[in-house]
């Protein structure tokens, strides 16, 4: 959220009512809750590396050099995404509680 200076993005946890309705609507082909970050642009739902790139594009535009990694094949990007996802707590640490968003961020969380 700190990187989204234009406040274009809204957020929801996978456990939120908003996400549950999206995931289980049948519109996107999920039969269970995905274990991945999701990005919904109003029409399409993106998962894994595509979700990350879409979020970067929306929040930073072309200013983020990571967007250029999109030129690699999706299977390779998703493979790397899965490695990072599996090891994120080991590499970046884990907290005992969730972050409580500041008051000015609360309106950007859905359901």
PDB file of N, CA and C in Angstrom:
ATOM      1  N   UNK A   1       0.814  -1.188   0.000  1.00  0.00           N
ATOM      2  CA  UNK A   1       0.000   0.000   0.000  1.00  0.00           C
ATOM      3  C   UNK A   1       0.861   1.256   0.000  1.00  0.00           C
ATOM      4  N   UNK A   2       2.022   1.175   0.612  1.00  0.00           N
ATOM      5  CA  UNK A   2       2.917   2.338   0.630  1.00  0.00           C
ATOM      6  C   UNK A   2       3.371   2.700  -0.781  1.00  0.00           C
ATOM      7  N   UNK A   3       3.490   1.696  -1.644  1.00  0.00           N
ATOM      8  CA  UNK A   3       3.965   1.930  -3.006  1.00  0.00           C
ATOM      9  C   UNK A   3       2.877   2.478  -3.922  1.00  0.00           C
ATOM     10  N   UNK A   4       1.619   2.330  -3.543  1.00  0.00           N
ATOM     11  CA  UNK A   4       0.488   2.747  -4.365  1.00  0.00           C
ATOM     12  C   UNK A   4       0.156   4.210  -4.070  1.00  0.00           C
ATOM     13  N   UNK A   5       1.015   5.104  -4.547  1.00  0.00           N
ATOM     14  CA  UNK A   5       0.886   6.521  -4.202  1.00  0.00           C
ATOM     15  C   UNK A   5      -0.366   7.161  -4.789  1.00  0.00           C
ATOM     16  N   UNK A   6      -0.914   6.595  -5.858  1.00  0.00           N
ATOM     17  CA  UNK A   6      -2.124   7.152  -6.485  1.00  0.00           C
ATOM     18  C   UNK A   6      -3.402   6.537  -5.919  1.00  0.00           C
ATOM     19  N   UNK A   7      -3.245   5.611  -4.974  1.00  0.00           N
ATOM     20  CA  UNK A   7      -4.369   4.940  -4.310  1.00  0.00           C
ATOM     21  C   UNK A   7      -5.336   4.317  -5.313  1.00  0.00           C
ATOM     22  N   UNK A   8      -4.791   3.592  -6.267  1.00  0.00           N
ATOM     23  CA  UNK A   8      -5.601   2.915  -7.287  1.00  0.00           C
ATOM     24  C   UNK A   8      -6.078   1.547  -6.843  1.00  0.00           C
ATOM     25  N   UNK A   9      -5.383   0.943  -5.872  1.00  0.00           N
ATOM     26  CA  UNK A   9      -5.658  -0.432  -5.498  1.00  0.00           C
ATOM     27  C   UNK A   9      -6.468  -0.524  -4.208  1.00  0.00           C
ATOM     28  N   UNK A  10      -7.334  -1.530  -4.163  1.00  0.00           N
ATOM     29  CA  UNK A  10      -8.043  -1.907  -2.950  1.00  0.00           C
ATOM     30  C   UNK A  10      -7.598  -3.318  -2.604  1.00  0.00           C
ATOM     31  N   UNK A  11      -7.761  -3.706  -1.361  1.00  0.00           N
ATOM     32  CA  UNK A  11      -7.231  -4.975  -0.898  1.00  0.00           C
ATOM     33  C   UNK A  11      -8.287  -5.775  -0.159  1.00  0.00           C
ATOM     34  N   UNK A  12      -8.162  -7.098  -0.217  1.00  0.00           N
ATOM     35  CA  UNK A  12      -9.019  -8.000   0.539  1.00  0.00           C
ATOM     36  C   UNK A  12      -8.207  -9.243   0.877  1.00  0.00           C
ATOM     37  N   UNK A  13      -8.438  -9.787   2.052  1.00  0.00           N
ATOM     38  CA  UNK A  13      -7.789 -11.052   2.383  1.00  0.00           C
ATOM     39  C   UNK A  13      -8.557 -12.171   1.686  1.00  0.00           C
ATOM     40  N   UNK A  14      -7.919 -13.303   1.492  1.00  0.00           N
ATOM     41  CA  UNK A  14      -8.597 -14.442   0.866  1.00  0.00           C
ATOM     42  C   UNK A  14      -9.730 -14.971   1.751  1.00  0.00           C
ATOM     43  N   UNK A  15      -9.695 -14.627   3.045  1.00  0.00           N
ATOM     44  CA  UNK A  15     -10.732 -15.066   3.961  1.00  0.00           C
ATOM     45  C   UNK A  15     -11.913 -14.091   4.020  1.00  0.00           C
ATOM     46  N   UNK A  16     -11.818 -12.947   3.370  1.00  0.00           N
ATOM     47  CA  UNK A  16     -12.885 -11.940   3.424  1.00  0.00           C
ATOM     48  C   UNK A  16     -14.107 -12.403   2.628  1.00  0.00           C
ATOM     49  N   UNK A  17     -15.256 -11.840   2.948  1.00  0.00           N
ATOM     50  CA  UNK A  17     -16.488 -12.168   2.222  1.00  0.00           C
ATOM     51  C   UNK A  17     -16.359 -11.787   0.748  1.00  0.00           C
ATOM     52  N   UNK A  18     -15.745 -10.650   0.469  1.00  0.00           N
ATOM     53  CA  UNK A  18     -15.551 -10.214  -0.917  1.00  0.00           C
ATOM     54  C   UNK A  18     -14.795 -11.276  -1.710  1.00  0.00           C
ATOM     55  N   UNK A  19     -13.666 -11.738  -1.168  1.00  0.00           N
ATOM     56  CA  UNK A  19     -12.843 -12.738  -1.864  1.00  0.00           C
ATOM     57  C   UNK A  19     -13.581 -14.074  -1.984  1.00  0.00           C
ATOM     58  N   UNK A  20     -14.253 -14.482  -0.928  1.00  0.00           N
ATOM     59  CA  UNK A  20     -14.992 -15.751  -0.977  1.00  0.00           C
ATOM     60  C   UNK A  20     -16.039 -15.729  -2.087  1.00  0.00           C
ATOM     61  N   UNK A  21     -16.750 -14.614  -2.214  1.00  0.00           N
ATOM     62  CA  UNK A  21     -17.762 -14.502  -3.268  1.00  0.00           C
ATOM     63  C   UNK A  21     -17.121 -14.553  -4.651  1.00  0.00           C
ATOM     64  N   UNK A  22     -15.996 -13.866  -4.818  1.00  0.00           N
ATOM     65  CA  UNK A  22     -15.295 -13.869  -6.107  1.00  0.00           C
ATOM     66  C   UNK A  22     -14.807 -15.275  -6.458  1.00  0.00           C
ATOM     67  N   UNK A  23     -14.132 -15.898  -5.515  1.00  0.00           N
ATOM     68  CA  UNK A  23     -13.500 -17.193  -5.757  1.00  0.00           C
ATOM     69  C   UNK A  23     -14.538 -18.276  -6.026  1.00  0.00           C
ATOM     70  N   UNK A  24     -15.613 -18.278  -5.252  1.00  0.00           N
ATOM     71  CA  UNK A  24     -16.597 -19.352  -5.342  1.00  0.00           C
ATOM     72  C   UNK A  24     -17.781 -19.020  -6.257  1.00  0.00           C
ATOM     73  N   UNK A  25     -17.656 -17.938  -7.012  1.00  0.00           N
ATOM     74  CA  UNK A  25     -18.742 -17.563  -7.932  1.00  0.00           C
ATOM     75  C   UNK A  25     -18.840 -18.514  -9.117  1.00  0.00           C
ATOM     76  N   UNK A  26     -17.788 -19.257  -9.392  1.00  0.00           N
ATOM     77  CA  UNK A  26     -17.770 -20.142 -10.548  1.00  0.00           C
ATOM     78  C   UNK A  26     -17.297 -19.434 -11.810  1.00  0.00           C
ATOM     79  N   UNK A  27     -17.195 -18.145 -11.762  1.00  0.00           N
ATOM     80  CA  UNK A  27     -16.803 -17.353 -12.929  1.00  0.00           C
ATOM     81  C   UNK A  27     -15.333 -17.547 -13.310  1.00  0.00           C
ATOM     82  N   UNK A  28     -14.495 -17.880 -12.320  1.00  0.00           N
ATOM     83  CA  UNK A  28     -13.057 -17.932 -12.573  1.00  0.00           C
ATOM     84  C   UNK A  28     -12.466 -19.335 -12.522  1.00  0.00           C
ATOM     85  N   UNK A  29     -13.289 -20.346 -12.349  1.00  0.00           N
ATOM     86  CA  UNK A  29     -12.829 -21.729 -12.439  1.00  0.00           C
ATOM     87  C   UNK A  29     -12.147 -22.287 -11.205  1.00  0.00           C
ATOM     88  N   UNK A  30     -12.302 -21.658 -10.052  1.00  0.00           N
ATOM     89  CA  UNK A  30     -11.707 -22.196  -8.829  1.00  0.00           C
ATOM     90  C   UNK A  30     -12.663 -23.198  -8.202  1.00  0.00           C
ATOM     91  N   UNK A  31     -12.129 -24.329  -7.728  1.00  0.00           N
ATOM     92  CA  UNK A  31     -12.955 -25.260  -6.965  1.00  0.00           C
ATOM     93  C   UNK A  31     -12.557 -25.253  -5.496  1.00  0.00           C
ATOM     94  N   UNK A  32     -11.502 -24.508  -5.171  1.00  0.00           N
ATOM     95  CA  UNK A  32     -11.095 -24.293  -3.782  1.00  0.00           C
ATOM     96  C   UNK A  32     -10.372 -22.950  -3.711  1.00  0.00           C
ATOM     97  N   UNK A  33     -10.150 -22.471  -2.503  1.00  0.00           N
ATOM     98  CA  UNK A  33      -9.461 -21.196  -2.323  1.00  0.00           C
ATOM     99  C   UNK A  33      -8.013 -21.345  -2.770  1.00  0.00           C
ATOM    100  N   UNK A  34      -7.560 -20.504  -3.678  1.00  0.00           N
ATOM    101  CA  UNK A  34      -6.177 -20.605  -4.167  1.00  0.00           C
ATOM    102  C   UNK A  34      -5.177 -20.213  -3.082  1.00  0.00           C
ATOM    103  N   UNK A  35      -3.992 -20.752  -3.182  1.00  0.00           N
ATOM    104  CA  UNK A  35      -2.912 -20.411  -2.253  1.00  0.00           C
ATOM    105  C   UNK A  35      -1.960 -19.451  -2.947  1.00  0.00           C
ATOM    106  N   UNK A  36      -2.503 -18.375  -3.435  1.00  0.00           N
ATOM    107  CA  UNK A  36      -1.731 -17.432  -4.235  1.00  0.00           C
ATOM    108  C   UNK A  36      -2.315 -16.043  -4.059  1.00  0.00           C
ATOM    109  N   UNK A  37      -1.518 -15.049  -4.352  1.00  0.00           N
ATOM    110  CA  UNK A  37      -2.038 -13.691  -4.415  1.00  0.00           C
ATOM    111  C   UNK A  37      -2.925 -13.606  -5.658  1.00  0.00           C
ATOM    112  N   UNK A  38      -4.009 -12.860  -5.556  1.00  0.00           N
ATOM    113  CA  UNK A  38      -4.924 -12.660  -6.677  1.00  0.00           C
ATOM    114  C   UNK A  38      -5.016 -11.172  -6.975  1.00  0.00           C
ATOM    115  N   UNK A  39      -5.237 -10.850  -8.245  1.00  0.00           N
ATOM    116  CA  UNK A  39      -5.446  -9.458  -8.641  1.00  0.00           C
ATOM    117  C   UNK A  39      -6.637  -9.420  -9.593  1.00  0.00           C
ATOM    118  N   UNK A  40      -7.627  -8.622  -9.243  1.00  0.00           N
ATOM    119  CA  UNK A  40      -8.827  -8.491 -10.057  1.00  0.00           C
ATOM    120  C   UNK A  40      -8.881  -7.081 -10.606  1.00  0.00           C
ATOM    121  N   UNK A  41      -8.926  -6.942 -11.934  1.00  0.00           N
ATOM    122  CA  UNK A  41      -8.915  -5.620 -12.555  1.00  0.00           C
ATOM    123  C   UNK A  41     -10.311  -5.112 -12.904  1.00  0.00           C
ATOM    124  N   UNK A  42     -11.324  -5.797 -12.410  1.00  0.00           N
ATOM    125  CA  UNK A  42     -12.693  -5.423 -12.720  1.00  0.00           C
ATOM    126  C   UNK A  42     -13.327  -6.363 -13.725  1.00  0.00           C
ATOM    127  N   UNK A  43     -12.505  -7.039 -14.505  1.00  0.00           N
ATOM    128  CA  UNK A  43     -12.974  -8.001 -15.501  1.00  0.00           C
ATOM    129  C   UNK A  43     -12.243  -9.329 -15.399  1.00  0.00           C
ATOM    130  N   UNK A  44     -10.919  -9.257 -15.297  1.00  0.00           N
ATOM    131  CA  UNK A  44     -10.095 -10.472 -15.295  1.00  0.00           C
ATOM    132  C   UNK A  44      -9.479 -10.680 -13.918  1.00  0.00           C
ATOM    133  N   UNK A  45      -9.262 -11.946 -13.574  1.00  0.00           N
ATOM    134  CA  UNK A  45      -8.629 -12.305 -12.323  1.00  0.00           C
ATOM    135  C   UNK A  45      -7.274 -12.923 -12.639  1.00  0.00           C
ATOM    136  N   UNK A  46      -6.227 -12.377 -12.051  1.00  0.00           N
ATOM    137  CA  UNK A  46      -4.862 -12.835 -12.283  1.00  0.00           C
ATOM    138  C   UNK A  46      -4.351 -13.539 -11.028  1.00  0.00           C
ATOM    139  N   UNK A  47      -3.494 -14.552 -11.216  1.00  0.00           N
ATOM    140  CA  UNK A  47      -2.909 -15.279 -10.095  1.00  0.00           C
ATOM    141  C   UNK A  47      -1.386 -15.268 -10.202  1.00  0.00           C
ATOM    142  N   UNK A  48      -0.755 -15.573  -9.103  1.00  0.00           N
ATOM    143  CA  UNK A  48       0.696 -15.738  -8.990  1.00  0.00           C
ATOM    144  C   UNK A  48       1.459 -14.580  -9.621  1.00  0.00           C
ATOM    145  N   UNK A  49       2.397 -14.868 -10.516  1.00  0.00           N
ATOM    146  CA  UNK A  49       3.258 -13.812 -11.054  1.00  0.00           C
ATOM    147  C   UNK A  49       2.472 -12.772 -11.850  1.00  0.00           C
ATOM    148  N   UNK A  50       1.434 -13.195 -12.549  1.00  0.00           N
ATOM    149  CA  UNK A  50       0.624 -12.233 -13.311  1.00  0.00           C
ATOM    150  C   UNK A  50      -0.066 -11.252 -12.374  1.00  0.00           C
ATOM    151  N   UNK A  51      -0.527 -11.723 -11.219  1.00  0.00           N
ATOM    152  CA  UNK A  51      -1.157 -10.848 -10.232  1.00  0.00           C
ATOM    153  C   UNK A  51      -0.151  -9.819  -9.717  1.00  0.00           C
ATOM    154  N   UNK A  52       1.055 -10.256  -9.455  1.00  0.00           N
ATOM    155  CA  UNK A  52       2.096  -9.349  -8.972  1.00  0.00           C
ATOM    156  C   UNK A  52       2.399  -8.285 -10.024  1.00  0.00           C
ATOM    157  N   UNK A  53       2.554  -8.690 -11.274  1.00  0.00           N
ATOM    158  CA  UNK A  53       2.863  -7.725 -12.331  1.00  0.00           C
ATOM    159  C   UNK A  53       1.729  -6.740 -12.560  1.00  0.00           C
ATOM    160  N   UNK A  54       0.494  -7.204 -12.503  1.00  0.00           N
ATOM    161  CA  UNK A  54      -0.647  -6.299 -12.677  1.00  0.00           C
ATOM    162  C   UNK A  54      -0.712  -5.285 -11.535  1.00  0.00           C
ATOM    163  N   UNK A  55      -0.462  -5.738 -10.313  1.00  0.00           N
ATOM    164  CA  UNK A  55      -0.467  -4.826  -9.167  1.00  0.00           C
ATOM    165  C   UNK A  55       0.655  -3.802  -9.292  1.00  0.00           C
ATOM    166  N   UNK A  56       1.836  -4.245  -9.705  1.00  0.00           N
ATOM    167  CA  UNK A  56       2.952  -3.315  -9.908  1.00  0.00           C
ATOM    168  C   UNK A  56       2.621  -2.293 -10.985  1.00  0.00           C
ATOM    169  N   UNK A  57       2.032  -2.752 -12.059  1.00  0.00           N
ATOM    170  CA  UNK A  57       1.676  -1.858 -13.168  1.00  0.00           C
ATOM    171  C   UNK A  57       0.677  -0.803 -12.707  1.00  0.00           C
ATOM    172  N   UNK A  58      -0.310  -1.217 -11.933  1.00  0.00           N
ATOM    173  CA  UNK A  58      -1.315  -0.276 -11.455  1.00  0.00           C
ATOM    174  C   UNK A  58      -0.748   0.705 -10.426  1.00  0.00           C
ATOM    175  N   UNK A  59       0.105   0.216  -9.542  1.00  0.00           N
ATOM    176  CA  UNK A  59       0.587   1.072  -8.457  1.00  0.00           C
ATOM    177  C   UNK A  59       1.746   1.967  -8.868  1.00  0.00           C
ATOM    178  N   UNK A  60       2.626   1.487  -9.716  1.00  0.00           N
ATOM    179  CA  UNK A  60       3.815   2.254 -10.073  1.00  0.00           C
ATOM    180  C   UNK A  60       3.903   2.605 -11.551  1.00  0.00           C
ATOM    181  N   UNK A  61       3.052   2.026 -12.354  1.00  0.00           N
ATOM    182  CA  UNK A  61       3.142   2.279 -13.786  1.00  0.00           C
ATOM    183  C   UNK A  61       4.402   1.687 -14.369  1.00  0.00           C
ATOM    184  N   UNK A  62       4.994   2.343 -15.303  1.00  0.00           N
ATOM    185  CA  UNK A  62       6.201   1.844 -15.973  1.00  0.00           C
ATOM    186  C   UNK A  62       7.477   2.146 -15.178  1.00  0.00           C
ATOM    187  N   UNK A  63       7.348   2.780 -14.040  1.00  0.00           N
ATOM    188  CA  UNK A  63       8.520   3.181 -13.256  1.00  0.00           C
ATOM    189  C   UNK A  63       9.225   2.009 -12.577  1.00  0.00           C
ATOM    190  N   UNK A  64       8.552   0.896 -12.436  1.00  0.00           N
ATOM    191  CA  UNK A  64       9.124  -0.239 -11.714  1.00  0.00           C
ATOM    192  C   UNK A  64       9.858  -1.173 -12.683  1.00  0.00           C
ATOM    193  N   UNK A  65      11.137  -1.366 -12.471  1.00  0.00           N
ATOM    194  CA  UNK A  65      11.941  -2.197 -13.357  1.00  0.00           C
ATOM    195  C   UNK A  65      11.508  -3.665 -13.315  1.00  0.00           C
ATOM    196  N   UNK A  66      10.863  -4.103 -12.232  1.00  0.00           N
ATOM    197  CA  UNK A  66      10.435  -5.497 -12.130  1.00  0.00           C
ATOM    198  C   UNK A  66       9.431  -5.887 -13.211  1.00  0.00           C
ATOM    199  N   UNK A  67       8.702  -4.918 -13.734  1.00  0.00           N
ATOM    200  CA  UNK A  67       7.707  -5.201 -14.775  1.00  0.00           C
ATOM    201  C   UNK A  67       8.364  -5.833 -16.004  1.00  0.00           C
ATOM    202  N   UNK A  68       9.619  -5.515 -16.234  1.00  0.00           N
ATOM    203  CA  UNK A  68      10.303  -6.052 -17.408  1.00  0.00           C
ATOM    204  C   UNK A  68      10.596  -7.549 -17.275  1.00  0.00           C
ATOM    205  N   UNK A  69      10.480  -8.093 -16.068  1.00  0.00           N
ATOM    206  CA  UNK A  69      10.643  -9.541 -15.889  1.00  0.00           C
ATOM    207  C   UNK A  69       9.476 -10.311 -16.505  1.00  0.00           C
ATOM    208  N   UNK A  70       8.435  -9.589 -16.885  1.00  0.00           N
ATOM    209  CA  UNK A  70       7.269 -10.214 -17.505  1.00  0.00           C
ATOM    210  C   UNK A  70       7.605 -10.830 -18.861  1.00  0.00           C
ATOM    211  N   UNK A  71       8.742 -10.482 -19.423  1.00  0.00           N
ATOM    212  CA  UNK A  71       9.112 -11.031 -20.730  1.00  0.00           C
ATOM    213  C   UNK A  71       9.479 -12.511 -20.639  1.00  0.00           C
ATOM    214  N   UNK A  72       9.748 -13.004 -19.419  1.00  0.00           N
ATOM    215  CA  UNK A  72      10.045 -14.422 -19.256  1.00  0.00           C
ATOM    216  C   UNK A  72       8.745 -15.221 -19.321  1.00  0.00           C
ATOM    217  N   UNK A  73       8.813 -16.483 -19.750  1.00  0.00           N
ATOM    218  CA  UNK A  73       7.591 -17.295 -19.862  1.00  0.00           C
ATOM    219  C   UNK A  73       6.886 -17.443 -18.512  1.00  0.00           C
ATOM    220  N   UNK A  74       5.555 -17.496 -18.565  1.00  0.00           N
ATOM    221  CA  UNK A  74       4.741 -17.568 -17.348  1.00  0.00           C
ATOM    222  C   UNK A  74       5.101 -18.782 -16.497  1.00  0.00           C
ATOM    223  N   UNK A  75       5.351 -19.932 -17.104  1.00  0.00           N
ATOM    224  CA  UNK A  75       5.674 -21.124 -16.311  1.00  0.00           C
ATOM    225  C   UNK A  75       6.938 -20.902 -15.487  1.00  0.00           C
ATOM    226  N   UNK A  76       7.915 -20.175 -16.025  1.00  0.00           N
ATOM    227  CA  UNK A  76       9.150 -19.898 -15.303  1.00  0.00           C
ATOM    228  C   UNK A  76       8.902 -18.879 -14.186  1.00  0.00           C
ATOM    229  N   UNK A  77       8.141 -17.824 -14.498  1.00  0.00           N
ATOM    230  CA  UNK A  77       7.817 -16.813 -13.484  1.00  0.00           C
ATOM    231  C   UNK A  77       7.030 -17.428 -12.336  1.00  0.00           C
ATOM    232  N   UNK A  78       6.061 -18.289 -12.647  1.00  0.00           N
ATOM    233  CA  UNK A  78       5.252 -18.922 -11.602  1.00  0.00           C
ATOM    234  C   UNK A  78       6.074 -19.915 -10.785  1.00  0.00           C
ATOM    235  N   UNK A  79       7.023 -20.579 -11.406  1.00  0.00           N
ATOM    236  CA  UNK A  79       7.929 -21.477 -10.686  1.00  0.00           C
ATOM    237  C   UNK A  79       8.711 -20.686  -9.644  1.00  0.00           C
ATOM    238  N   UNK A  80       9.253 -19.538 -10.045  1.00  0.00           N
ATOM    239  CA  UNK A  80      10.001 -18.676  -9.124  1.00  0.00           C
ATOM    240  C   UNK A  80       9.069 -18.105  -8.059  1.00  0.00           C
ATOM    241  N   UNK A  81       7.862 -17.713  -8.463  1.00  0.00           N
ATOM    242  CA  UNK A  81       6.864 -17.233  -7.500  1.00  0.00           C
ATOM    243  C   UNK A  81       6.632 -18.288  -6.416  1.00  0.00           C
ATOM    244  N   UNK A  82       6.455 -19.544  -6.819  1.00  0.00           N
ATOM    245  CA  UNK A  82       6.201 -20.632  -5.871  1.00  0.00           C
ATOM    246  C   UNK A  82       7.374 -20.835  -4.906  1.00  0.00           C
ATOM    247  N   UNK A  83       8.589 -20.719  -5.397  1.00  0.00           N
ATOM    248  CA  UNK A  83       9.768 -20.844  -4.530  1.00  0.00           C
ATOM    249  C   UNK A  83       9.767 -19.728  -3.483  1.00  0.00           C
ATOM    250  N   UNK A  84       9.512 -18.503  -3.928  1.00  0.00           N
ATOM    251  CA  UNK A  84       9.471 -17.374  -2.989  1.00  0.00           C
ATOM    252  C   UNK A  84       8.341 -17.560  -1.988  1.00  0.00           C
ATOM    253  N   UNK A  85       7.161 -17.968  -2.453  1.00  0.00           N
ATOM    254  CA  UNK A  85       6.007 -18.170  -1.565  1.00  0.00           C
ATOM    255  C   UNK A  85       6.305 -19.235  -0.507  1.00  0.00           C
ATOM    256  N   UNK A  86       6.943 -20.317  -0.901  1.00  0.00           N
ATOM    257  CA  UNK A  86       7.259 -21.393   0.039  1.00  0.00           C
ATOM    258  C   UNK A  86       8.274 -20.963   1.093  1.00  0.00           C
ATOM    259  N   UNK A  87       9.171 -20.063   0.728  1.00  0.00           N
ATOM    260  CA  UNK A  87      10.274 -19.689   1.614  1.00  0.00           C
ATOM    261  C   UNK A  87      10.142 -18.298   2.222  1.00  0.00           C
ATOM    262  N   UNK A  88       9.022 -17.627   2.010  1.00  0.00           N
ATOM    263  CA  UNK A  88       8.917 -16.225   2.418  1.00  0.00           C
ATOM    264  C   UNK A  88       9.119 -16.017   3.918  1.00  0.00           C
ATOM    265  N   UNK A  89       8.617 -16.889   4.749  1.00  0.00           N
ATOM    266  CA  UNK A  89       8.800 -16.700   6.188  1.00  0.00           C
ATOM    267  C   UNK A  89      10.244 -16.919   6.599  1.00  0.00           C
ATOM    268  N   UNK A  90      10.898 -17.888   5.971  1.00  0.00           N
ATOM    269  CA  UNK A  90      12.297 -18.161   6.283  1.00  0.00           C
ATOM    270  C   UNK A  90      13.180 -16.979   5.869  1.00  0.00           C
ATOM    271  N   UNK A  91      12.898 -16.398   4.704  1.00  0.00           N
ATOM    272  CA  UNK A  91      13.723 -15.321   4.179  1.00  0.00           C
ATOM    273  C   UNK A  91      13.372 -13.936   4.745  1.00  0.00           C
ATOM    274  N   UNK A  92      12.085 -13.691   4.935  1.00  0.00           N
ATOM    275  CA  UNK A  92      11.645 -12.349   5.311  1.00  0.00           C
ATOM    276  C   UNK A  92      11.092 -12.264   6.727  1.00  0.00           C
ATOM    277  N   UNK A  93      10.956 -13.398   7.411  1.00  0.00           N
ATOM    278  CA  UNK A  93      10.451 -13.405   8.783  1.00  0.00           C
ATOM    279  C   UNK A  93       8.940 -13.535   8.839  1.00  0.00           C
ATOM    280  N   UNK A  94       8.461 -13.822  10.029  1.00  0.00           N
ATOM    281  CA  UNK A  94       7.033 -14.001  10.263  1.00  0.00           C
ATOM    282  C   UNK A  94       6.682 -13.282  11.553  1.00  0.00           C
ATOM    283  N   UNK A  95       5.531 -12.616  11.545  1.00  0.00           N
ATOM    284  CA  UNK A  95       5.088 -11.925  12.747  1.00  0.00           C
ATOM    285  C   UNK A  95       4.012 -12.753  13.442  1.00  0.00           C
ATOM    286  N   UNK A  96       3.820 -12.488  14.723  1.00  0.00           N
ATOM    287  CA  UNK A  96       2.822 -13.214  15.499  1.00  0.00           C
ATOM    288  C   UNK A  96       1.407 -12.689  15.289  1.00  0.00           C
ATOM    289  N   UNK A  97       1.294 -11.485  14.738  1.00  0.00           N
ATOM    290  CA  UNK A  97      -0.033 -10.912  14.515  1.00  0.00           C
ATOM    291  C   UNK A  97      -0.045 -10.157  13.189  1.00  0.00           C
ATOM    292  N   UNK A  98      -1.239  -9.955  12.684  1.00  0.00           N
ATOM    293  CA  UNK A  98      -1.390  -9.214  11.437  1.00  0.00           C
ATOM    294  C   UNK A  98      -1.210  -7.721  11.685  1.00  0.00           C
ATOM    295  N   UNK A  99      -0.790  -7.025  10.651  1.00  0.00           N
ATOM    296  CA  UNK A  99      -0.647  -5.581  10.732  1.00  0.00           C
ATOM    297  C   UNK A  99      -2.033  -4.944  10.881  1.00  0.00           C
ATOM    298  N   UNK A 100      -2.140  -3.995  11.768  1.00  0.00           N
ATOM    299  CA  UNK A 100      -3.369  -3.216  11.883  1.00  0.00           C
ATOM    300  C   UNK A 100      -3.161  -1.973  11.024  1.00  0.00           C
ATOM    301  N   UNK A 101      -3.983  -1.818   9.976  1.00  0.00           N
ATOM    302  CA  UNK A 101      -3.749  -0.694   9.067  1.00  0.00           C
ATOM    303  C   UNK A 101      -4.061   0.648   9.725  1.00  0.00           C
ATOM    304  N   UNK A 102      -3.303   1.678   9.363  1.00  0.00           N
ATOM    305  CA  UNK A 102      -3.613   3.016   9.867  1.00  0.00           C
ATOM    306  C   UNK A 102      -5.009   3.435   9.403  1.00  0.00           C
ATOM    307  N   UNK A 103      -5.625   4.362  10.118  1.00  0.00           N
ATOM    308  CA  UNK A 103      -6.980   4.815   9.799  1.00  0.00           C
ATOM    309  C   UNK A 103      -7.135   5.200   8.341  1.00  0.00           C
ATOM    310  N   UNK A 104      -6.151   5.895   7.772  1.00  0.00           N
ATOM    311  CA  UNK A 104      -6.268   6.369   6.393  1.00  0.00           C
ATOM    312  C   UNK A 104      -6.151   5.246   5.348  1.00  0.00           C
ATOM    313  N   UNK A 105      -5.850   4.027   5.755  1.00  0.00           N
ATOM    314  CA  UNK A 105      -5.795   2.895   4.835  1.00  0.00           C
ATOM    315  C   UNK A 105      -7.057   2.038   4.902  1.00  0.00           C
ATOM    316  N   UNK A 106      -7.821   2.157   5.949  1.00  0.00           N
ATOM    317  CA  UNK A 106      -8.961   1.250   6.186  1.00  0.00           C
ATOM    318  C   UNK A 106      -9.983   1.279   5.061  1.00  0.00           C
ATOM    319  N   UNK A 107     -10.197   2.412   4.447  1.00  0.00           N
ATOM    320  CA  UNK A 107     -11.183   2.503   3.360  1.00  0.00           C
ATOM    321  C   UNK A 107     -10.760   1.718   2.125  1.00  0.00           C
ATOM    322  N   UNK A 108      -9.507   1.306   2.042  1.00  0.00           N
ATOM    323  CA  UNK A 108      -9.012   0.590   0.867  1.00  0.00           C
ATOM    324  C   UNK A 108      -9.121  -0.921   1.007  1.00  0.00           C
ATOM    325  N   UNK A 109      -9.644  -1.400   2.149  1.00  0.00           N
ATOM    326  CA  UNK A 109      -9.853  -2.829   2.368  1.00  0.00           C
ATOM    327  C   UNK A 109     -11.295  -3.185   2.065  1.00  0.00           C
ATOM    328  N   UNK A 110     -11.473  -4.259   1.310  1.00  0.00           N
ATOM    329  CA  UNK A 110     -12.824  -4.719   0.920  1.00  0.00           C
ATOM    330  C   UNK A 110     -13.258  -5.870   1.800  1.00  0.00           C
ATOM    331  N   UNK A 111     -14.541  -5.871   2.163  1.00  0.00           N
ATOM    332  CA  UNK A 111     -15.214  -6.959   2.885  1.00  0.00           C
ATOM    333  C   UNK A 111     -14.387  -7.712   3.823  1.00  0.00           C
TER     334      UNK A 111
END
